[in-house]
N, C-alpha and C. Protein backbone atom coordinates (compact mmCIF):
# COMPACT_ATOMS: atom_id res chain seq x y z
N MET A 1 98.75 -57.18 -19.40
CA MET A 1 98.56 -57.22 -17.73
C MET A 1 98.18 -56.40 -17.23
N LEU A 2 98.86 -54.18 -17.64
CA LEU A 2 98.76 -53.13 -17.61
C LEU A 2 96.66 -53.18 -17.17
N ARG A 3 96.34 -53.26 -18.50
CA ARG A 3 95.08 -52.98 -19.06
C ARG A 3 93.95 -53.94 -18.00
N GLU A 4 94.62 -54.80 -17.23
CA GLU A 4 93.49 -56.10 -16.66
C GLU A 4 94.19 -55.43 -15.36
N LYS A 5 95.40 -55.11 -15.30
CA LYS A 5 94.91 -54.46 -13.53
C LYS A 5 94.15 -53.03 -13.65
N GLU A 6 94.20 -51.94 -14.43
CA GLU A 6 93.31 -51.88 -14.46
C GLU A 6 92.03 -51.33 -14.70
N ALA A 7 91.65 -52.45 -15.12
CA ALA A 7 90.03 -52.98 -15.04
C ALA A 7 89.39 -53.37 -13.85
N HIS A 8 90.32 -54.25 -12.83
CA HIS A 8 90.67 -54.95 -11.86
C HIS A 8 90.27 -53.49 -11.10
N ALA A 9 91.14 -52.82 -11.06
CA ALA A 9 90.86 -51.63 -9.86
C ALA A 9 89.28 -50.81 -10.10
N ARG A 10 89.25 -50.84 -11.71
CA ARG A 10 88.28 -50.06 -11.62
C ARG A 10 86.60 -50.84 -10.96
N LYS A 11 86.56 -52.06 -11.20
CA LYS A 11 85.75 -52.61 -10.65
C LYS A 11 85.43 -53.16 -9.26
N ARG A 12 86.67 -52.58 -8.47
CA ARG A 12 87.04 -52.56 -7.20
C ARG A 12 86.48 -51.51 -6.57
N VAL A 13 87.12 -50.51 -7.24
CA VAL A 13 85.81 -49.14 -7.31
C VAL A 13 84.88 -49.34 -7.19
N LYS A 14 84.37 -49.61 -8.20
CA LYS A 14 82.53 -49.42 -8.25
C LYS A 14 81.60 -50.27 -7.35
N LYS A 15 82.76 -51.27 -6.47
CA LYS A 15 81.97 -52.23 -5.73
C LYS A 15 82.14 -51.34 -4.45
N MET A 16 82.46 -50.68 -4.22
CA MET A 16 83.36 -49.82 -3.01
C MET A 16 81.76 -49.55 -2.49
N SER A 17 81.40 -48.94 -0.92
CA SER A 17 80.40 -48.98 -0.57
C SER A 17 80.53 -47.03 -0.34
N ALA A 18 79.07 -45.94 -0.57
CA ALA A 18 79.28 -44.94 0.27
C ALA A 18 80.62 -44.74 0.84
N ARG A 19 80.38 -45.85 2.14
CA ARG A 19 81.44 -45.04 3.15
C ARG A 19 82.86 -45.65 2.75
N ALA A 20 83.01 -46.76 2.35
CA ALA A 20 84.25 -46.77 2.00
C ALA A 20 84.96 -45.69 0.76
N LYS A 21 84.12 -45.27 -0.13
CA LYS A 21 84.82 -44.21 -1.01
C LYS A 21 84.76 -42.18 -0.42
N THR A 22 84.02 -42.56 0.59
CA THR A 22 84.44 -41.73 1.50
C THR A 22 85.83 -41.89 1.87
N ALA A 23 85.81 -42.44 2.96
CA ALA A 23 86.98 -43.33 3.78
C ALA A 23 88.24 -43.04 3.01
N ARG A 24 88.17 -43.41 1.92
CA ARG A 24 89.45 -43.32 0.23
C ARG A 24 89.77 -41.72 0.43
N ILE A 25 88.88 -40.63 0.13
CA ILE A 25 88.84 -39.59 -0.35
C ILE A 25 89.47 -38.87 1.18
N ARG A 26 88.88 -39.68 2.07
CA ARG A 26 89.69 -38.49 3.16
C ARG A 26 91.10 -38.97 3.41
N LYS A 27 91.23 -40.12 3.08
CA LYS A 27 92.71 -39.93 3.24
C LYS A 27 93.91 -39.20 2.31
N ILE A 28 92.96 -39.49 0.72
CA ILE A 28 93.96 -38.91 -0.14
C ILE A 28 94.22 -37.56 0.28
N ILE A 29 92.48 -36.76 0.80
CA ILE A 29 93.12 -35.09 0.64
C ILE A 29 93.67 -34.79 2.12
N LYS A 30 93.49 -35.85 3.50
CA LYS A 30 94.14 -35.54 4.69
C LYS A 30 95.86 -35.82 4.16
N ASP A 31 96.19 -36.60 3.71
CA ASP A 31 97.46 -36.57 3.77
C ASP A 31 98.28 -35.66 2.80
N ARG A 32 97.69 -34.94 2.27
CA ARG A 32 98.59 -33.58 1.53
C ARG A 32 97.69 -32.36 2.70
N CYS A 33 96.49 -32.23 3.56
CA CYS A 33 95.66 -31.24 3.74
C CYS A 33 95.30 -31.63 4.88
N PRO A 34 96.33 -31.58 6.06
CA PRO A 34 95.36 -32.82 7.55
C PRO A 34 95.07 -31.86 8.23
N THR A 35 94.13 -30.36 8.26
CA THR A 35 93.80 -29.86 8.73
C THR A 35 92.19 -29.44 7.85
N ILE A 36 91.88 -30.18 7.08
CA ILE A 36 90.79 -30.19 6.72
C ILE A 36 90.11 -31.32 6.91
N SER A 37 88.61 -31.41 7.04
CA SER A 37 87.84 -32.12 7.48
C SER A 37 87.12 -33.13 6.41
N VAL A 38 86.72 -34.20 5.95
CA VAL A 38 86.08 -34.98 5.16
C VAL A 38 85.07 -35.99 5.10
N LYS A 39 83.94 -35.75 5.29
CA LYS A 39 82.73 -36.47 6.07
C LYS A 39 81.36 -36.74 5.37
N MET A 40 81.20 -38.05 5.26
CA MET A 40 79.50 -38.32 4.72
C MET A 40 78.87 -37.20 4.90
N GLY A 41 77.90 -37.54 3.54
CA GLY A 41 76.55 -36.06 3.73
C GLY A 41 75.74 -36.70 4.99
N LYS A 42 74.59 -35.81 5.26
CA LYS A 42 73.82 -36.84 6.38
C LYS A 42 72.43 -37.39 5.56
N GLY A 43 71.94 -38.04 6.39
CA GLY A 43 70.85 -38.63 5.60
C GLY A 43 70.54 -38.78 4.19
N THR A 44 69.72 -38.64 3.91
CA THR A 44 69.69 -38.82 2.23
C THR A 44 70.56 -38.25 1.25
N ALA A 45 71.57 -37.22 1.99
CA ALA A 45 72.57 -37.03 0.92
C ALA A 45 74.16 -37.51 1.18
N ARG A 46 73.58 -38.68 1.66
CA ARG A 46 74.98 -39.70 2.39
C ARG A 46 75.74 -39.91 1.37
N THR A 47 75.90 -40.20 0.43
CA THR A 47 76.35 -40.24 -0.53
C THR A 47 77.45 -39.01 -1.68
N TRP A 48 76.98 -38.03 -0.83
CA TRP A 48 77.57 -36.48 -1.26
C TRP A 48 78.80 -36.59 0.26
N VAL A 49 79.54 -35.94 -0.55
CA VAL A 49 81.38 -35.88 0.81
C VAL A 49 81.33 -34.13 1.26
N GLN A 50 80.98 -34.36 2.67
CA GLN A 50 81.28 -32.83 2.30
C GLN A 50 82.91 -32.34 3.16
N ILE A 51 83.02 -31.38 2.18
CA ILE A 51 84.69 -30.58 2.72
C ILE A 51 84.59 -29.60 3.68
N ASP A 52 85.55 -29.70 4.50
CA ASP A 52 85.08 -27.99 5.59
C ASP A 52 87.06 -27.79 6.35
N GLY A 53 86.84 -26.70 6.10
CA GLY A 53 88.26 -26.10 6.41
C GLY A 53 88.34 -25.95 7.38
N SER A 54 89.81 -26.03 8.53
CA SER A 54 89.96 -25.52 10.11
C SER A 54 89.07 -24.23 10.48
N LYS A 55 88.92 -23.70 9.67
CA LYS A 55 88.09 -21.93 9.04
C LYS A 55 88.88 -21.06 10.01
N ASP A 56 88.94 -19.83 9.67
CA ASP A 56 90.18 -18.67 9.96
C ASP A 56 88.85 -18.01 10.50
N GLN A 57 89.25 -17.25 11.49
CA GLN A 57 88.70 -16.16 12.28
C GLN A 57 87.15 -15.64 11.41
N PHE A 58 86.43 -15.66 10.47
CA PHE A 58 85.19 -15.25 9.28
C PHE A 58 84.73 -16.64 8.97
N GLY A 59 85.29 -17.78 9.88
CA GLY A 59 84.60 -19.11 9.66
C GLY A 59 84.62 -19.02 7.57
N LYS A 60 85.68 -19.47 6.88
CA LYS A 60 86.24 -19.64 6.00
C LYS A 60 87.54 -20.35 5.55
N PHE A 61 87.68 -21.04 4.65
CA PHE A 61 88.70 -21.73 4.47
C PHE A 61 90.12 -20.87 4.78
N THR A 62 90.91 -21.29 5.52
CA THR A 62 92.23 -20.71 5.40
C THR A 62 92.72 -20.87 3.68
N PRO A 63 94.58 -19.69 3.79
CA PRO A 63 94.60 -19.82 1.96
C PRO A 63 95.36 -20.83 2.24
N THR A 64 95.88 -21.38 3.00
CA THR A 64 96.90 -22.80 2.34
C THR A 64 95.92 -23.89 2.52
N GLU A 65 95.09 -23.99 3.00
CA GLU A 65 93.86 -25.02 2.76
C GLU A 65 93.39 -24.60 1.04
N LYS A 66 93.02 -23.67 0.65
CA LYS A 66 93.01 -22.99 -0.49
C LYS A 66 93.36 -23.40 -1.43
N ARG A 67 94.34 -23.82 -1.48
CA ARG A 67 96.11 -23.78 -2.29
C ARG A 67 95.89 -25.34 -2.00
N CYS A 68 95.92 -25.98 -1.02
CA CYS A 68 95.99 -27.71 -1.19
C CYS A 68 94.99 -27.85 -1.74
N LEU A 69 93.69 -27.35 -1.68
CA LEU A 69 92.54 -28.44 -2.14
C LEU A 69 92.70 -27.61 -3.84
N LYS A 70 93.31 -26.99 -4.10
CA LYS A 70 92.95 -26.26 -5.40
C LYS A 70 93.99 -27.01 -6.58
N THR A 71 95.21 -27.85 -5.67
CA THR A 71 95.83 -28.80 -6.44
C THR A 71 94.78 -30.51 -7.11
N PHE A 72 93.93 -30.34 -5.56
CA PHE A 72 92.92 -31.41 -6.00
C PHE A 72 91.85 -31.26 -7.51
N GLY A 73 91.62 -30.06 -7.67
CA GLY A 73 90.84 -29.33 -8.63
C GLY A 73 89.43 -29.37 -8.26
N ILE A 74 89.80 -28.78 -6.75
CA ILE A 74 88.00 -28.75 -5.72
C ILE A 74 88.37 -26.96 -5.38
N GLU A 75 87.45 -26.47 -6.31
CA GLU A 75 86.75 -25.03 -5.62
C GLU A 75 85.87 -24.85 -4.89
N THR A 76 87.35 -23.81 -3.58
CA THR A 76 86.38 -23.47 -2.32
C THR A 76 85.44 -22.45 -2.68
N GLY A 77 84.69 -21.72 -3.26
CA GLY A 77 84.28 -20.55 -3.51
C GLY A 77 84.41 -19.66 -2.47
N LEU A 78 83.29 -18.93 -2.06
CA LEU A 78 83.37 -17.64 -0.80
C LEU A 78 83.02 -18.14 0.63
N GLY A 79 82.55 -19.47 0.66
CA GLY A 79 81.92 -20.17 2.20
C GLY A 79 83.40 -20.51 3.20
N GLY A 80 82.70 -21.35 3.59
CA GLY A 80 83.77 -22.01 4.99
C GLY A 80 83.61 -23.56 4.21
N GLY A 81 82.73 -24.47 3.42
CA GLY A 81 82.59 -25.57 3.09
C GLY A 81 82.46 -25.48 1.57
N THR A 82 82.70 -26.79 1.23
CA THR A 82 82.29 -27.05 -0.82
C THR A 82 82.06 -28.54 -0.36
N GLN A 83 81.69 -29.40 -1.71
CA GLN A 83 81.20 -30.83 -1.45
C GLN A 83 81.39 -31.30 -2.96
N MET A 84 81.47 -32.97 -2.61
CA MET A 84 82.04 -33.76 -3.60
C MET A 84 80.52 -34.10 -3.84
N MET A 85 80.31 -34.20 -5.75
CA MET A 85 79.29 -34.96 -5.99
C MET A 85 79.49 -36.36 -5.95
N PRO A 86 77.71 -37.12 -5.56
CA PRO A 86 78.14 -38.29 -5.73
C PRO A 86 79.08 -39.60 -6.42
N GLY A 87 78.64 -39.41 -8.33
CA GLY A 87 79.24 -39.33 -9.78
C GLY A 87 80.98 -39.01 -9.68
N GLU A 88 81.62 -38.41 -8.84
CA GLU A 88 82.55 -37.59 -9.19
C GLU A 88 83.88 -39.00 -8.16
N LYS A 89 83.09 -39.22 -7.32
CA LYS A 89 83.72 -39.91 -6.11
C LYS A 89 85.13 -41.36 -6.98
N GLU A 90 84.68 -41.99 -7.65
CA GLU A 90 85.34 -43.07 -8.59
C GLU A 90 85.74 -42.13 -9.64
N PHE A 91 85.84 -41.04 -10.24
CA PHE A 91 87.02 -40.16 -10.65
C PHE A 91 87.85 -39.74 -9.92
N PHE A 92 87.74 -39.03 -8.32
CA PHE A 92 88.30 -38.39 -7.30
C PHE A 92 89.28 -39.42 -6.73
N ILE A 93 89.34 -40.83 -7.18
CA ILE A 93 89.64 -41.72 -6.57
C ILE A 93 90.83 -42.45 -7.59
N LYS A 94 90.30 -43.01 -8.76
CA LYS A 94 91.24 -43.31 -9.95
C LYS A 94 92.47 -41.95 -9.62
N ASN A 95 92.27 -40.60 -10.25
CA ASN A 95 92.88 -39.63 -10.49
C ASN A 95 93.27 -38.36 -10.08
N LYS A 96 93.05 -39.10 -8.08
CA LYS A 96 93.59 -37.63 -7.37
C LYS A 96 93.14 -36.46 -7.46
N ARG A 97 91.87 -36.35 -8.03
CA ARG A 97 91.28 -34.83 -8.58
C ARG A 97 90.06 -35.22 -9.08
N VAL A 98 89.23 -33.87 -9.24
CA VAL A 98 87.67 -34.20 -9.90
C VAL A 98 88.58 -33.57 -11.14
N PRO A 99 87.19 -33.99 -11.91
CA PRO A 99 87.20 -33.76 -13.12
C PRO A 99 87.04 -32.20 -13.32
N LYS A 100 88.20 -31.83 -14.76
CA LYS A 100 87.99 -30.46 -14.60
C LYS A 100 86.04 -30.10 -15.45
N ASP A 101 85.76 -30.65 -16.18
CA ASP A 101 84.36 -30.62 -17.29
C ASP A 101 83.50 -31.45 -15.38
N ARG A 102 82.73 -30.74 -14.37
CA ARG A 102 82.46 -30.85 -13.65
C ARG A 102 80.65 -31.30 -14.34
N SER A 103 80.41 -30.74 -14.96
CA SER A 103 78.92 -30.60 -15.30
C SER A 103 78.34 -31.95 -15.95
N LYS A 104 79.02 -33.52 -16.61
CA LYS A 104 78.38 -34.47 -17.15
C LYS A 104 77.90 -35.18 -14.86
N TYR A 105 78.69 -34.62 -14.30
CA TYR A 105 78.47 -35.39 -12.92
C TYR A 105 77.00 -34.94 -11.87
N LYS A 106 76.54 -33.77 -12.59
CA LYS A 106 75.39 -33.03 -12.42
C LYS A 106 73.70 -33.44 -11.50
N TYR A 107 73.37 -33.52 -10.82
CA TYR A 107 71.77 -34.53 -10.03
C TYR A 107 71.08 -33.42 -10.66
N TRP A 108 70.90 -31.82 -11.19
CA TRP A 108 70.07 -31.39 -11.05
C TRP A 108 69.75 -30.80 -12.65
């Protein structure tokens, strides 16, 4: 019974549109980190997810936002934003974190 529910949930996530997946990711992140902005990419990058913070005085993530994103396994780097690749969306929705080995999801 549990395996059937998991299989059904997997199919449901795969059938979701890019907009619906981004909305689900936004809800997951905003529940824990309300100051973070989660948006779909623009134009041909619409399948990517853009994650921005409220920005401190230097245009970067605040320390609280960095700690919060780290709980999801999202690295922020030195800039004021980060991205989630299209292939990582399904994994994130199911596991509430990005995969530890992100190399298999790269598109370049």
